[in-house]
Protein backbone atom coordinates (compact mmCIF):
# COMPACT_ATOMS: atom_id res chain seq x y z
CA MET A 1 -23.63 4.58 -26.80
CA GLY A 2 -24.93 5.39 -30.76
CA LYS A 3 -23.21 7.88 -32.55
CA SER A 4 -26.43 10.08 -32.44
CA GLU A 5 -25.91 9.91 -28.81
CA ASN A 6 -21.86 11.05 -28.24
CA ARG A 7 -23.26 14.08 -31.47
CA ALA A 8 -25.50 14.98 -28.87
CA SER A 9 -23.36 14.50 -25.26
CA ARG A 10 -20.19 17.05 -27.54
CA HIS A 11 -23.15 19.62 -28.73
CA ALA A 12 -23.60 20.09 -25.35
CA LEU A 13 -20.43 20.70 -24.20
CA ASN A 14 -19.88 22.86 -26.60
CA ASN A 15 -23.02 24.63 -26.37
CA GLU A 16 -21.84 25.86 -22.51
CA ALA A 17 -21.74 29.73 -22.68
CA SER A 18 -18.13 30.18 -21.73
CA GLY A 19 -16.78 27.36 -22.60
CA VAL A 20 -16.78 24.31 -19.83
CA ARG A 21 -15.91 24.66 -16.29
CA PHE A 22 -13.70 22.77 -13.44
CA ASP A 23 -13.23 22.88 -10.15
CA LEU A 24 -8.99 22.41 -9.79
CA GLN A 25 -9.16 21.57 -5.67
CA ALA A 26 -6.36 21.84 -4.15
CA ILE A 27 -4.31 19.66 -2.79
CA ALA A 28 -2.03 19.87 -0.21
CA HIS A 29 1.08 19.43 2.01
CA ALA A 30 -0.49 17.68 5.18
CA GLY A 31 1.63 18.64 7.20
CA ASP A 32 1.65 22.99 6.76
CA LEU A 33 -0.91 22.91 4.22
CA ALA A 34 0.56 24.47 1.69
CA VAL A 35 -0.15 23.72 -2.42
CA TYR A 36 1.18 21.04 -3.67
CA GLY A 37 -0.93 20.76 -6.74
CA TYR A 38 -4.91 20.97 -8.01
CA GLU A 39 -6.57 17.82 -9.68
CA PHE A 40 -9.26 18.65 -12.01
CA LEU A 41 -12.44 18.38 -11.56
CA TYR A 42 -15.32 18.40 -13.88
CA ARG A 43 -18.13 21.02 -13.37
CA GLY A 44 -19.88 21.48 -16.59
CA GLN A 45 -23.77 22.30 -17.13
CA VAL A 46 -24.46 19.03 -18.43
CA ARG A 47 -23.05 15.77 -16.65
CA PRO A 48 -21.33 12.76 -19.57
CA SER A 49 -23.52 10.38 -19.08
CA SER A 50 -21.70 7.42 -20.49
CA ALA A 51 -17.86 6.47 -21.55
CA ASP A 52 -17.65 8.29 -24.78
CA ALA A 53 -18.79 11.02 -23.09
CA TRP A 54 -16.52 11.39 -20.41
CA THR A 55 -13.28 10.58 -23.35
CA SER A 56 -14.83 12.98 -25.28
CA VAL A 57 -14.02 15.17 -21.84
CA ASP A 58 -10.88 14.05 -20.96
CA GLN A 59 -9.77 14.27 -24.41
CA GLY A 60 -10.90 17.42 -25.04
CA VAL A 61 -9.36 18.92 -21.20
CA LEU A 62 -5.02 17.09 -22.66
CA ARG A 63 -5.83 19.21 -25.44
CA TYR A 64 -5.96 22.54 -23.99
CA LEU A 65 -3.38 21.72 -21.39
CA ALA A 66 -1.41 20.76 -24.13
CA SER A 67 -1.46 23.80 -25.00
CA GLU A 68 -1.13 25.96 -22.37
CA VAL A 69 2.13 25.66 -19.75
CA GLN A 70 1.81 25.34 -16.84
CA VAL A 71 -1.72 26.02 -16.33
CA THR A 72 -1.06 26.07 -12.46
CA GLY A 73 2.52 25.99 -12.40
CA LYS A 74 2.45 22.77 -9.98
CA PRO A 75 1.16 19.00 -10.76
CA CYS A 76 -1.54 18.76 -12.10
CA PHE A 77 -3.62 15.38 -11.35
CA ILE A 78 -6.31 14.29 -14.39
CA ASN A 79 -8.71 11.25 -13.01
CA LEU A 80 -8.74 9.01 -15.97
CA SER A 81 -11.89 6.14 -16.92
CA HIS A 82 -10.13 3.12 -18.26
CA GLU A 83 -12.23 3.42 -21.92
CA SER A 84 -10.38 7.03 -21.70
CA VAL A 85 -6.87 5.24 -20.95
CA LEU A 86 -7.07 3.03 -24.03
CA ALA A 87 -8.99 5.41 -26.38
CA ILE A 88 -5.75 8.82 -26.38
CA GLN A 89 -3.06 8.27 -28.26
CA GLU A 90 0.27 8.68 -26.25
CA SER A 91 1.21 11.56 -28.49
CA SER A 92 -1.91 13.46 -26.88
CA PHE A 93 -0.50 12.75 -23.51
CA ALA A 94 2.86 13.25 -24.60
CA ALA A 95 1.69 16.95 -25.92
CA ALA A 96 0.35 17.44 -22.11
CA CYS A 97 2.67 16.10 -20.31
CA LYS A 98 5.48 18.29 -22.46
CA ARG A 99 4.65 21.58 -20.87
CA ASN A 100 2.80 20.95 -17.89
CA ASP A 101 3.44 18.60 -14.88
CA LEU A 102 0.75 15.50 -14.53
CA ARG A 103 -0.49 12.69 -12.81
CA PHE A 104 -3.23 11.29 -14.53
CA GLU A 105 -5.16 8.89 -12.16
CA MET A 106 -6.62 5.09 -12.70
CA SER A 107 -9.86 4.62 -12.19
CA GLU A 108 -11.41 2.81 -9.23
CA ALA A 109 -13.64 1.44 -11.89
CA ILE A 110 -13.60 -1.85 -11.82
CA ALA A 111 -12.11 -3.26 -15.04
CA GLU A 112 -12.81 -7.65 -15.00
CA GLY A 113 -10.44 -9.66 -17.75
CA GLU A 114 -9.27 -8.27 -20.67
CA LEU A 115 -10.13 -4.66 -20.60
CA PHE A 116 -8.25 -4.72 -17.33
CA ASP A 117 -4.93 -5.94 -18.87
CA LEU A 118 -5.44 -3.49 -21.76
CA VAL A 119 -5.55 -0.93 -19.30
CA CYS A 120 -2.81 -1.68 -17.00
CA ASP A 121 -1.03 -3.02 -20.47
CA LYS A 122 -0.96 0.91 -21.78
CA VAL A 123 -0.74 2.70 -18.65
CA ASN A 124 2.67 0.84 -17.90
CA HIS A 125 4.24 1.64 -21.70
CA LEU A 126 2.92 5.19 -21.51
CA CYS A 127 4.98 5.01 -17.75
CA GLY A 128 8.17 3.55 -19.47
CA ARG A 129 8.11 6.97 -21.78
CA GLY A 130 7.97 8.92 -18.51
CA MET A 131 3.91 9.98 -17.33
CA GLN A 132 2.99 9.50 -14.02
CA PHE A 133 0.28 7.98 -12.62
CA ALA A 134 -1.25 7.53 -9.46
CA ILE A 135 -4.63 5.07 -8.54
CA ASP A 136 -7.35 7.40 -7.41
CA ASP A 137 -9.71 5.69 -4.51
CA PHE A 138 -7.84 3.25 -2.69
CA GLY A 139 -10.14 0.82 -0.69
CA ALA A 140 -13.38 1.85 -3.22
CA GLY A 141 -13.38 -0.61 -5.61
CA LEU A 142 -12.06 -4.66 -5.41
CA ASP A 143 -9.12 -4.38 -7.16
CA GLY A 144 -6.83 -1.15 -5.22
CA SER A 145 -3.91 -3.78 -4.45
CA ARG A 146 -3.98 -5.20 -7.64
CA ARG A 147 -3.63 -1.92 -9.66
CA ILE A 148 -0.77 -1.37 -7.33
CA TYR A 149 0.86 -5.03 -8.60
CA ALA A 150 -0.07 -4.75 -11.39
CA LEU A 151 1.58 -1.64 -12.84
CA ASP A 152 5.56 -0.74 -13.16
CA SER A 153 5.36 2.36 -11.77
CA VAL A 154 3.10 4.41 -9.73
CA SER A 155 3.69 7.88 -7.97
CA ALA A 156 1.44 8.61 -6.01
CA ILE A 157 -1.86 6.83 -4.15
CA LYS A 158 -4.99 8.56 -3.52
CA VAL A 159 -6.79 6.67 -0.33
CA ASP A 160 -10.72 6.83 -0.45
CA ARG A 161 -12.80 8.31 2.16
CA ASN A 162 -14.34 5.78 3.37
CA LEU A 163 -11.29 3.71 4.18
CA LEU A 164 -9.90 6.23 5.71
CA VAL A 165 -13.50 7.20 8.17
CA CYS A 166 -13.16 3.58 8.98
CA ALA A 167 -9.79 3.20 10.32
CA ALA A 168 -10.28 5.92 12.29
CA SER A 169 -12.53 4.37 14.03
CA ARG A 170 -10.70 1.28 14.23
CA PRO A 171 -7.57 1.36 16.59
CA GLN A 172 -6.09 -1.68 14.54
CA ALA A 173 -7.41 -0.98 11.37
CA ALA A 174 -5.81 2.85 11.65
CA ARG A 175 -2.03 1.01 12.41
CA MET A 176 -2.76 -1.65 9.82
CA LEU A 177 -3.54 2.25 7.12
CA ALA A 178 0.09 3.49 8.56
CA ALA A 179 2.48 0.80 8.47
CA SER A 180 0.61 0.41 4.67
CA VAL A 181 1.64 4.67 4.29
CA SER A 182 5.09 4.02 5.16
CA SER A 183 5.55 1.66 3.07
CA TRP A 184 4.11 3.12 0.17
CA ARG A 185 6.36 6.36 0.61
CA SER A 186 9.16 3.70 1.27
CA ALA A 187 8.98 2.76 -2.01
CA GLY A 188 8.97 5.90 -3.56
CA ILE A 189 5.07 6.62 -3.89
CA GLN A 190 2.94 9.39 -2.13
CA THR A 191 0.10 9.23 -0.22
CA VAL A 192 -2.71 11.74 -0.62
CA ALA A 193 -5.71 10.83 1.29
CA GLU A 194 -9.43 11.77 0.05
CA GLY A 195 -12.15 13.17 1.26
CA VAL A 196 -10.58 14.73 4.59
CA GLU A 197 -14.14 17.19 5.58
CA SER A 198 -13.01 17.81 8.76
CA PRO A 199 -10.58 18.90 11.48
CA GLU A 200 -10.41 15.56 13.24
CA LEU A 201 -10.05 13.81 9.15
CA LEU A 202 -7.21 15.73 8.73
CA ASP A 203 -5.64 15.61 11.89
CA PHE A 204 -6.10 11.72 11.73
CA ALA A 205 -3.89 11.95 8.02
CA ARG A 206 -1.89 13.82 10.12
CA ASP A 207 -1.51 10.61 12.57
CA VAL A 208 -1.52 8.26 9.79
CA GLY A 209 1.62 10.03 8.41
CA PHE A 210 -0.43 11.00 4.78
CA ASP A 211 2.09 13.46 2.83
CA LEU A 212 -0.96 14.68 1.36
CA VAL A 213 -4.64 15.74 1.84
CA GLN A 214 -7.45 17.00 -0.28
CA GLY A 215 -11.19 17.56 0.45
CA TRP A 216 -13.94 19.83 0.93
CA HIS A 217 -12.27 20.80 4.88
CA VAL A 218 -8.82 21.47 3.24
CA ASP A 219 -10.70 23.94 0.86
CA THR A 220 -11.60 25.92 3.45
CA LEU A 221 -7.24 26.80 4.34
CA ALA A 222 -5.77 25.67 0.91
CA PRO A 223 -9.51 27.34 -1.65
CA SER A 224 -8.77 25.93 -4.99
CA LYS A 225 -9.14 27.10 -8.00
CA ARG A 226 -11.71 27.66 -11.37
CA ALA A 227 -11.36 27.36 -15.08
CA VAL A 228 -13.13 27.70 -17.85
CA ILE A 229 -12.12 25.32 -20.81
CA PRO A 230 -13.22 26.46 -24.18
CA ARG A 231 -15.68 25.54 -25.98
CA SER A 232 -13.19 24.61 -29.33
CA PHE A 233 -10.76 22.18 -27.71
CA PHE A 234 -13.82 19.46 -26.95
């Protein structure tokens, strides 16, 4: 992306009337649906159209979190692109984590060759400094297991809705998913069922043994919050 396009993306972000809007979608305990934490979901008027524009959004979120103590009072999940992981300085991650309990989500987007190695090296370095990373949308891409085994530490695995739906309709797949969830828990890794959009899928996530659930149906039982981040952070 050229500099003019990047400037245009920032200009669009900075001209939202009251700031840049985010939904804080609840992530709830599977058993009693008590809220465990929240995921920041971008709801700005202009959707970023490039990797650089998304990096600008991610940097703004971290600046905001570095300035505010315990924004939600609970763990917050922040989805980061591969480009954001590489571009954002360690000091920015550390400043945001100092004031808030954060889980950074490693993207499901396919990263080939050197890019994958660079991202994993950066994530492992940050984990070594005490920061926590989750695997996002496990089962959506082609490198879910690859991400798990390439990282020194994984705090949570978020299983994609499509994998959840597929397993719910196939007994053998359900048993295999339950075995994976049990294995991850034994390793001290939290498990999150994403895209829980019906009572039936919630029941399935509970039967499989997921720790946490997230999705539209969960939103009706554990409502999301909203945040407007001032323009100055972007």
